[in-house]
């Protein structure tokens, strides 16, 4: 695969094409964006372009030794580091430092891609910071994360940051049809609720993801009506499932977005992304005003960013559920008071 074969992310790709052939290539990049929007794919292809001997118009030739070997996963100057046991430890970064002390074996530049770089321990991140402060020549490090705030600010400040946008619905549908062989109708339906992520679109096709959606819905519905002690139990259970939290919050954002659209009145049904699950929540929040739904959406959105900034997960979820409960209860109290006034 070359840049020309990647669907979407044209802005990021065009920026990388302009710098790929430069002698003063930046020593570190930060690729941020939703999971499943092509960050790692673009990073691998950038490594190929940098080392391609037949580069044309900023893209790789796919025919030289470097391209062929990179496609086969055995090009010695392309290293991909991934989390093991849910984190990237300091030993991994120390080993990387040792490797960087030697010049590239075959290519023009050695490119190191640290996927899910936010999973580095604090010790590992600080060790990497030293490398970024005194970068060895002929090496390029690419950090791949969902949000820059998930890394130490000192690490972010020493990189060239490229933000990857969510894919368009048509791009997601095209990928599902051309590379995963789904029929166009199913692809378009899944793309609408994918939030611009091919990873999330593929998850939607798995039964486990449907079960996860049901779990999130049940927790929210229970948290809206249970006693306060049970609500805090729910936050503890939820916070303990850290690997799912960002995806779960994204799901809540989609549902509350649907509720806001639904609140606008008739003729909006075709704009609803997830009618089945949104319909269930609507029964509980049917009396919520537009303003309270907007406030709840903003709270959900701020919780997402809190979680990307290494905040305390349980406290973030407590704040979220307390806020959603308060918003719903305020509306219910307001409607109850209005009914009483009318009956007097």
Protein backbone atom coordinates (compact mmCIF):
# COMPACT_ATOMS: atom_id res chain seq x y z
CA UNK A 1 0.00 0.00 0.00
CA UNK A 2 1.18 3.50 -0.86
CA UNK A 3 -0.13 6.95 0.09
CA UNK A 4 -2.19 6.93 -3.10
CA UNK A 5 -4.05 3.82 -1.91
CA UNK A 6 -5.13 5.30 1.43
CA UNK A 7 -8.73 6.49 1.57
CA UNK A 8 -9.07 9.74 3.53
CA UNK A 9 -6.53 11.81 5.50
CA UNK A 10 -5.49 13.77 2.42
CA UNK A 11 -4.42 16.81 4.46
CA UNK A 12 -2.02 14.84 6.67
CA UNK A 13 -0.67 12.85 3.72
CA UNK A 14 -0.03 15.98 1.65
CA UNK A 15 1.87 17.54 4.55
CA UNK A 16 4.04 14.44 4.90
CA UNK A 17 4.73 14.28 1.17
CA UNK A 18 6.20 17.78 1.33
CA UNK A 19 8.73 16.90 4.03
CA UNK A 20 9.57 13.27 3.13
CA UNK A 21 12.47 14.14 0.86
CA UNK A 22 13.96 16.94 2.93
CA UNK A 23 17.43 16.57 4.40
CA UNK A 24 16.31 18.43 7.53
CA UNK A 25 13.47 15.96 8.19
CA UNK A 26 11.96 16.54 11.67
CA UNK A 27 13.28 14.00 14.17
CA UNK A 28 9.90 13.35 15.81
CA UNK A 29 6.24 13.41 14.79
CA UNK A 30 3.04 13.08 16.80
CA UNK A 31 0.04 11.57 14.99
CA UNK A 32 -3.17 12.08 16.96
CA UNK A 33 -6.79 11.25 16.23
CA UNK A 34 -9.54 8.75 16.89
CA UNK A 35 -8.59 5.07 16.85
CA UNK A 36 -9.18 3.55 13.43
CA UNK A 37 -8.75 6.63 11.23
CA UNK A 38 -5.46 5.56 9.60
CA UNK A 39 -2.70 7.01 11.81
CA UNK A 40 -0.57 3.87 11.96
CA UNK A 41 -1.16 3.06 8.29
CA UNK A 42 0.01 6.54 7.28
CA UNK A 43 3.02 6.26 9.62
CA UNK A 44 4.15 2.98 8.01
CA UNK A 45 3.76 4.43 4.55
CA UNK A 46 5.66 7.56 5.51
CA UNK A 47 8.54 5.33 6.61
CA UNK A 48 8.44 3.66 3.19
CA UNK A 49 8.42 7.01 1.36
CA UNK A 50 11.39 8.29 3.38
CA UNK A 51 13.47 5.24 2.45
CA UNK A 52 12.14 4.59 -1.06
CA UNK A 53 14.81 4.73 -3.78
CA UNK A 54 12.22 5.28 -6.52
CA UNK A 55 10.11 7.98 -4.86
CA UNK A 56 7.82 9.85 -7.27
CA UNK A 57 5.86 12.97 -6.35
CA UNK A 58 6.25 12.30 -2.63
CA UNK A 59 4.97 8.73 -2.78
CA UNK A 60 6.73 5.37 -2.65
CA UNK A 61 7.26 3.24 -5.75
CA UNK A 62 6.27 -0.13 -4.22
CA UNK A 63 8.95 -1.77 -6.37
CA UNK A 64 12.32 -1.04 -4.77
CA UNK A 65 13.92 -3.28 -2.15
CA UNK A 66 12.97 -1.00 0.75
CA UNK A 67 9.28 -0.91 -0.25
CA UNK A 68 9.05 -4.66 -0.86
CA UNK A 69 10.75 -5.54 2.40
CA UNK A 70 8.71 -3.01 4.39
CA UNK A 71 5.52 -4.53 2.96
CA UNK A 72 6.76 -7.92 4.12
CA UNK A 73 7.54 -6.62 7.59
CA UNK A 74 11.28 -7.30 7.38
CA UNK A 75 12.85 -3.95 6.53
CA UNK A 76 15.49 -3.44 9.26
CA UNK A 77 15.10 0.34 9.45
CA UNK A 78 11.37 0.28 10.17
CA UNK A 79 10.59 -0.52 13.80
CA UNK A 80 7.06 -0.70 15.21
CA UNK A 81 6.72 -0.71 19.00
CA UNK A 82 3.39 -1.80 20.45
CA UNK A 83 2.11 -2.16 24.00
CA UNK A 84 2.47 -5.54 25.70
CA UNK A 85 0.59 -6.33 28.89
CA UNK A 86 -1.35 -3.10 28.37
CA UNK A 87 1.66 -0.81 28.75
CA UNK A 88 5.04 0.13 27.27
CA UNK A 89 7.70 -0.16 29.93
CA UNK A 90 11.02 1.57 30.42
CA UNK A 91 12.96 -1.52 29.30
CA UNK A 92 11.46 -1.14 25.82
CA UNK A 93 12.60 2.48 25.60
CA UNK A 94 16.07 1.60 26.91
CA UNK A 95 16.41 -1.05 24.22
CA UNK A 96 15.28 1.51 21.66
CA UNK A 97 17.91 3.99 22.86
CA UNK A 98 20.60 1.37 22.40
CA UNK A 99 19.45 0.68 18.85
CA UNK A 100 19.34 4.39 18.02
CA UNK A 101 22.99 4.76 18.94
CA UNK A 102 23.88 2.92 15.71
CA UNK A 103 23.33 4.33 12.21
CA UNK A 104 20.54 2.92 10.00
CA UNK A 105 21.45 -0.47 8.53
CA UNK A 106 20.20 0.03 4.97
CA UNK A 107 17.85 2.98 4.66
CA UNK A 108 18.28 6.72 4.50
CA UNK A 109 16.55 7.06 7.87
CA UNK A 110 15.55 4.64 10.60
CA UNK A 111 11.86 5.19 11.39
CA UNK A 112 10.45 4.11 14.75
CA UNK A 113 6.68 4.02 15.20
CA UNK A 114 5.45 3.86 18.80
CA UNK A 115 1.82 2.82 18.49
CA UNK A 116 -0.48 3.74 21.40
CA UNK A 117 2.36 5.79 22.85
CA UNK A 118 0.04 6.96 25.64
CA UNK A 119 0.49 3.50 27.18
CA UNK A 120 4.08 4.31 28.08
CA UNK A 121 4.69 4.30 31.82
CA UNK A 122 5.86 7.60 33.32
CA UNK A 123 9.38 6.15 33.55
CA UNK A 124 9.29 5.14 29.89
CA UNK A 125 7.95 8.54 28.83
CA UNK A 126 10.69 10.35 30.73
CA UNK A 127 13.32 8.10 29.18
CA UNK A 128 11.92 8.85 25.71
CA UNK A 129 11.97 12.56 26.54
CA UNK A 130 15.74 12.41 26.95
CA UNK A 131 16.02 10.87 23.49
CA UNK A 132 13.80 13.58 22.00
CA UNK A 133 15.87 16.30 23.68
CA UNK A 134 19.09 14.92 22.15
CA UNK A 135 17.90 13.13 19.01
CA UNK A 136 20.44 10.84 17.38
CA UNK A 137 21.02 11.62 13.68
CA UNK A 138 19.20 9.77 10.88
CA UNK A 139 16.36 8.58 13.10
CA UNK A 140 12.71 9.59 12.99
CA UNK A 141 10.31 8.74 15.83
CA UNK A 142 6.54 8.75 15.24
CA UNK A 143 4.25 8.69 18.29
CA UNK A 144 0.68 7.52 17.63
CA UNK A 145 -2.00 8.50 20.17
CA UNK A 146 -5.74 9.32 20.31
CA UNK A 147 -5.14 12.71 21.99
CA UNK A 148 -1.99 14.78 22.62
CA UNK A 149 -3.12 15.32 26.21
CA UNK A 150 -2.50 11.66 26.91
CA UNK A 151 1.27 12.32 26.72
CA UNK A 152 3.52 14.45 28.90
CA UNK A 153 3.42 18.08 27.66
CA UNK A 154 7.23 18.06 27.47
CA UNK A 155 7.08 15.11 25.05
CA UNK A 156 4.41 16.76 22.89
CA UNK A 157 6.38 20.00 22.68
CA UNK A 158 9.33 18.19 21.08
CA UNK A 159 7.34 16.71 18.19
CA UNK A 160 5.82 17.91 14.94
CA UNK A 161 2.08 17.38 15.53
CA UNK A 162 -0.31 16.18 12.82
CA UNK A 163 -3.98 15.87 13.68
CA UNK A 164 -5.90 13.13 11.85
CA UNK A 165 -9.56 13.93 11.28
CA UNK A 166 -12.42 11.39 11.50
CA UNK A 167 -13.11 9.77 8.16
CA UNK A 168 -16.17 10.82 6.24
CA UNK A 169 -19.09 8.40 6.11
CA UNK A 170 -18.43 7.85 2.41
CA UNK A 171 -14.75 7.03 3.09
CA UNK A 172 -15.70 4.48 5.77
CA UNK A 173 -18.28 2.92 3.44
CA UNK A 174 -15.75 2.77 0.58
CA UNK A 175 -13.23 0.96 2.80
CA UNK A 176 -15.85 -1.52 4.01
CA UNK A 177 -16.90 -2.30 0.44
CA UNK A 178 -13.46 -2.41 -1.21
CA UNK A 179 -11.40 -4.04 1.53
CA UNK A 180 -13.84 -5.91 3.73
CA UNK A 181 -16.25 -6.94 0.97
CA UNK A 182 -19.46 -5.74 2.62
CA UNK A 183 -22.44 -4.92 0.48
CA UNK A 184 -22.98 -1.17 -0.14
CA UNK A 185 -26.23 -0.94 1.84
CA UNK A 186 -24.78 -2.47 5.01
CA UNK A 187 -21.58 -0.44 4.61
CA UNK A 188 -23.49 2.84 4.43
CA UNK A 189 -25.59 1.97 7.48
CA UNK A 190 -22.55 1.01 9.56
CA UNK A 191 -20.58 4.04 8.37
CA UNK A 192 -23.26 6.38 9.71
CA UNK A 193 -22.71 5.21 13.29
CA UNK A 194 -18.94 4.73 13.08
CA UNK A 195 -18.02 8.30 14.12
CA UNK A 196 -15.52 8.32 11.27
CA UNK A 197 -13.52 5.32 12.53
CA UNK A 198 -13.04 2.18 10.46
CA UNK A 199 -12.06 0.34 13.65
CA UNK A 200 -15.36 1.23 15.25
CA UNK A 201 -17.23 0.30 12.08
CA UNK A 202 -15.69 -3.16 12.16
CA UNK A 203 -16.48 -3.47 15.86
CA UNK A 204 -20.13 -2.75 15.12
CA UNK A 205 -20.18 -5.90 13.03
CA UNK A 206 -19.11 -8.04 15.97
CA UNK A 207 -21.64 -9.40 18.44
CA UNK A 208 -19.38 -8.46 21.39
CA UNK A 209 -19.72 -4.80 20.50
CA UNK A 210 -23.51 -5.05 20.54
CA UNK A 211 -23.28 -6.62 23.99
CA UNK A 212 -21.05 -3.77 25.12
CA UNK A 213 -23.60 -1.22 23.91
CA UNK A 214 -26.28 -2.98 25.91
CA UNK A 215 -24.05 -2.93 28.99
CA UNK A 216 -23.48 0.83 28.64
CA UNK A 217 -27.19 1.49 28.13
CA UNK A 218 -28.18 -0.61 31.14
CA UNK A 219 -25.64 1.14 33.36
CA UNK A 220 -26.83 4.59 32.33
CA UNK A 221 -30.48 3.70 32.84
CA UNK A 222 -29.76 2.22 36.27
CA UNK A 223 -27.56 5.15 37.30
CA UNK A 224 -30.40 7.56 36.49
CA UNK A 225 -32.79 5.96 38.96
CA UNK A 226 -30.87 3.95 41.57
CA UNK A 227 -29.90 5.17 45.06
CA UNK A 228 -26.69 7.13 45.39
CA UNK A 229 -24.70 4.27 46.94
CA UNK A 230 -25.48 2.01 43.99
CA UNK A 231 -24.53 4.80 41.61
CA UNK A 232 -21.08 5.01 43.16
CA UNK A 233 -20.77 1.23 42.82
CA UNK A 234 -21.53 1.61 39.11
CA UNK A 235 -18.78 4.22 38.73
CA UNK A 236 -16.26 1.92 40.42
CA UNK A 237 -17.21 -0.99 38.17
CA UNK A 238 -17.07 1.20 35.09
CA UNK A 239 -13.76 2.89 35.95
CA UNK A 240 -12.15 -0.53 36.48
CA UNK A 241 -12.77 -1.29 32.78
CA UNK A 242 -10.27 1.34 31.70
CA UNK A 243 -9.58 -0.07 28.23
CA UNK A 244 -13.21 0.51 27.22
CA UNK A 245 -13.80 3.92 28.76
CA UNK A 246 -13.01 6.20 25.81
CA UNK A 247 -15.09 4.08 23.42
CA UNK A 248 -17.91 4.00 25.99
CA UNK A 249 -17.88 7.79 26.34
CA UNK A 250 -17.89 8.14 22.56
CA UNK A 251 -21.00 5.95 22.52
CA UNK A 252 -22.69 8.24 25.06
CA UNK A 253 -21.79 11.26 22.93
CA UNK A 254 -23.51 9.67 19.95
CA UNK A 255 -26.65 8.84 21.95
CA UNK A 256 -26.94 12.32 23.46
CA UNK A 257 -26.31 13.84 20.06
CA UNK A 258 -29.25 11.78 18.80
CA UNK A 259 -31.40 12.95 21.73
CA UNK A 260 -30.59 16.57 20.89
CA UNK A 261 -31.51 16.04 17.24
CA UNK A 262 -34.73 14.26 18.28
CA UNK A 263 -35.59 17.15 20.59
CA UNK A 264 -35.56 19.54 17.64
CA UNK A 265 -38.91 18.16 16.49
CA UNK A 266 -40.54 16.19 13.69
CA UNK A 267 -38.71 15.34 10.49
CA UNK A 268 -35.40 14.49 12.16
CA UNK A 269 -35.76 10.69 12.31
CA UNK A 270 -33.47 10.08 9.33
CA UNK A 271 -30.71 12.04 11.10
CA UNK A 272 -30.68 9.67 14.09
CA UNK A 273 -27.54 7.51 14.07
CA UNK A 274 -28.58 4.78 16.49
CA UNK A 275 -32.39 4.76 16.70
CA UNK A 276 -32.78 1.56 18.74
CA UNK A 277 -30.59 2.55 21.66
CA UNK A 278 -31.45 6.25 21.50
CA UNK A 279 -35.14 5.34 21.63
CA UNK A 280 -34.63 3.52 24.92
CA UNK A 281 -32.91 6.52 26.50
CA UNK A 282 -35.56 8.86 25.13
CA UNK A 283 -38.21 7.08 27.21
CA UNK A 284 -36.29 8.02 30.35
CA UNK A 285 -35.27 11.52 29.23
CA UNK A 286 -38.32 12.39 27.14
CA UNK A 287 -39.08 15.44 29.27
CA UNK A 288 -35.57 16.85 29.08
CA UNK A 289 -35.28 20.28 27.57
CA UNK A 290 -32.97 21.16 24.72
CA UNK A 291 -30.81 23.16 27.13
CA UNK A 292 -30.38 20.31 29.60
CA UNK A 293 -29.49 17.89 26.79
CA UNK A 294 -26.85 20.33 25.53
CA UNK A 295 -25.40 20.62 29.05
CA UNK A 296 -25.29 16.85 29.38
CA UNK A 297 -23.57 16.52 26.01
CA UNK A 298 -20.96 19.08 27.05
CA UNK A 299 -20.40 17.15 30.29
CA UNK A 300 -19.91 13.90 28.36
CA UNK A 301 -17.49 15.63 26.01
CA UNK A 302 -15.46 17.15 28.85
CA UNK A 303 -15.31 13.74 30.56
CA UNK A 304 -13.80 12.29 27.39
CA UNK A 305 -11.04 14.89 27.42
CA UNK A 306 -10.49 14.45 31.16
CA UNK A 307 -9.88 10.75 30.56
CA UNK A 308 -7.36 11.49 27.81
CA UNK A 309 -5.36 13.62 30.26
CA UNK A 310 -4.54 10.87 32.73
CA UNK A 311 -7.27 12.00 35.12
CA UNK A 312 -8.53 9.77 37.90
CA UNK A 313 -10.92 7.48 36.04
CA UNK A 314 -13.29 6.86 38.93
CA UNK A 315 -13.60 10.54 39.80
CA UNK A 316 -14.24 11.39 36.14
CA UNK A 317 -17.02 8.79 35.92
CA UNK A 318 -18.51 9.93 39.24
CA UNK A 319 -18.64 13.49 37.96
CA UNK A 320 -20.26 12.31 34.74
CA UNK A 321 -23.00 10.17 36.30
CA UNK A 322 -23.77 12.70 39.03
CA UNK A 323 -24.12 15.39 36.37
CA UNK A 324 -26.39 13.28 34.15
CA UNK A 325 -28.55 12.32 37.16
CA UNK A 326 -28.82 15.92 38.27
CA UNK A 327 -29.82 17.09 34.80
CA UNK A 328 -32.50 14.41 34.45
CA UNK A 329 -33.84 14.92 37.99
CA UNK A 330 -34.01 18.69 37.57
CA UNK A 331 -36.19 18.25 34.51
CA UNK A 332 -38.41 15.69 36.25
CA UNK A 333 -38.79 17.98 39.29
CA UNK A 334 -39.61 20.94 37.05
CA UNK A 335 -42.35 18.99 35.23
CA UNK A 336 -43.77 17.67 38.52
CA UNK A 337 -43.95 21.22 39.90
CA UNK A 338 -45.65 22.43 36.74
CA UNK A 339 -48.29 19.69 36.99
CA UNK A 340 -48.97 20.56 40.62
CA UNK A 341 -49.37 24.22 39.78
CA UNK A 342 -51.87 23.39 37.04
CA UNK A 343 -53.90 21.24 39.41
CA UNK A 344 -54.20 24.01 42.00
